[in-house]
């Protein structure tokens, strides 16, 4: 997958925008998680970037993100859609 970039919207008050950044450019990788839910520790490396997590279907990702990042997430979903599990971890089937 190529680099995925997005610009911060005018007036965005996030820490990166406050530091003078115009946006963000990312490279995404796909991995299959074979651990247990308890293996996730969002506070393992302070400061934590996220306060919570949950399993979701890949196609839901773009709807779960702030609007200015949505197009970037739609590209990720399109690129990795063929790799996505047909069911969520911990569900029967």
Protein backbone atom coordinates (compact mmCIF):
# COMPACT_ATOMS: atom_id res chain seq x y z
CA UNK A 1 0.00 0.00 0.00
CA UNK A 2 1.23 3.52 -0.78
CA UNK A 3 1.56 6.33 1.74
CA UNK A 4 -1.79 7.64 3.01
CA UNK A 5 -1.95 11.35 3.80
CA UNK A 6 -4.49 13.83 5.11
CA UNK A 7 -4.43 17.51 6.06
CA UNK A 8 -5.74 18.91 9.31
CA UNK A 9 -8.78 21.12 8.79
CA UNK A 10 -8.53 24.86 9.49
CA UNK A 11 -8.87 25.52 13.20
CA UNK A 12 -7.99 21.95 14.21
CA UNK A 13 -6.71 22.17 17.76
CA UNK A 14 -4.91 18.85 18.07
CA UNK A 15 -1.41 18.64 19.52
CA UNK A 16 0.24 18.00 16.14
CA UNK A 17 -1.52 20.96 14.51
CA UNK A 18 -0.57 23.12 17.50
CA UNK A 19 3.04 22.05 16.89
CA UNK A 20 2.90 23.45 13.36
CA UNK A 21 2.15 20.24 11.46
CA UNK A 22 -0.08 20.62 8.39
CA UNK A 23 -1.33 17.04 8.39
CA UNK A 24 -0.12 13.49 8.64
CA UNK A 25 1.38 10.96 6.24
CA UNK A 26 1.21 7.27 7.18
CA UNK A 27 2.15 3.83 5.95
CA UNK A 28 -0.27 1.08 6.97
CA UNK A 29 0.48 -2.63 7.50
CA UNK A 30 -1.88 -5.57 7.97
CA UNK A 31 -1.27 -8.13 10.70
CA UNK A 32 -3.39 -11.00 11.97
CA UNK A 33 -3.78 -10.86 15.75
CA UNK A 34 -3.59 -14.32 17.32
CA UNK A 35 -3.49 -13.29 20.97
CA UNK A 36 -6.13 -12.72 23.61
CA UNK A 37 -8.09 -9.57 24.33
CA UNK A 38 -6.19 -9.26 27.62
CA UNK A 39 -2.97 -8.80 25.63
CA UNK A 40 -4.00 -5.22 24.79
CA UNK A 41 -2.59 -2.68 27.25
CA UNK A 42 -3.24 0.88 26.09
CA UNK A 43 -1.22 2.30 28.99
CA UNK A 44 1.90 0.21 28.36
CA UNK A 45 3.73 3.14 26.73
CA UNK A 46 2.80 6.53 28.19
CA UNK A 47 1.28 8.78 27.29
CA UNK A 48 -1.51 6.55 25.96
CA UNK A 49 -2.77 7.56 22.53
CA UNK A 50 -6.14 5.86 23.00
CA UNK A 51 -8.43 5.53 26.01
CA UNK A 52 -10.39 2.48 24.80
CA UNK A 53 -10.50 -0.15 22.04
CA UNK A 54 -12.99 -2.62 20.63
CA UNK A 55 -13.26 -5.11 17.79
CA UNK A 56 -15.09 -3.94 14.65
CA UNK A 57 -15.46 -5.06 11.07
CA UNK A 58 -12.93 -3.40 8.74
CA UNK A 59 -15.70 -1.86 6.63
CA UNK A 60 -16.84 0.09 9.74
CA UNK A 61 -13.50 1.89 10.18
CA UNK A 62 -14.21 4.95 8.04
CA UNK A 63 -17.47 5.63 9.88
CA UNK A 64 -15.71 5.46 13.26
CA UNK A 65 -13.09 8.13 12.54
CA UNK A 66 -13.28 11.92 12.54
CA UNK A 67 -14.52 13.26 9.19
CA UNK A 68 -11.25 14.86 8.04
CA UNK A 69 -9.50 11.44 8.18
CA UNK A 70 -12.35 9.53 6.51
CA UNK A 71 -10.95 9.47 2.93
CA UNK A 72 -7.64 8.10 4.23
CA UNK A 73 -9.40 5.32 6.12
CA UNK A 74 -11.52 4.47 3.06
CA UNK A 75 -8.25 3.90 1.15
CA UNK A 76 -7.02 1.58 3.90
CA UNK A 77 -10.30 -0.36 3.90
CA UNK A 78 -10.11 -0.77 0.11
CA UNK A 79 -6.48 -1.91 0.24
CA UNK A 80 -6.91 -4.44 3.07
CA UNK A 81 -10.51 -5.55 2.48
CA UNK A 82 -9.46 -8.87 0.99
CA UNK A 83 -7.46 -9.71 4.12
CA UNK A 84 -10.18 -8.95 6.66
CA UNK A 85 -11.60 -11.74 8.79
CA UNK A 86 -15.18 -12.66 8.01
CA UNK A 87 -15.99 -12.63 11.72
CA UNK A 88 -14.79 -10.77 14.79
CA UNK A 89 -12.43 -12.51 17.25
CA UNK A 90 -14.25 -14.27 20.06
CA UNK A 91 -17.46 -14.80 18.09
CA UNK A 92 -18.72 -18.25 17.08
CA UNK A 93 -18.31 -19.45 13.58
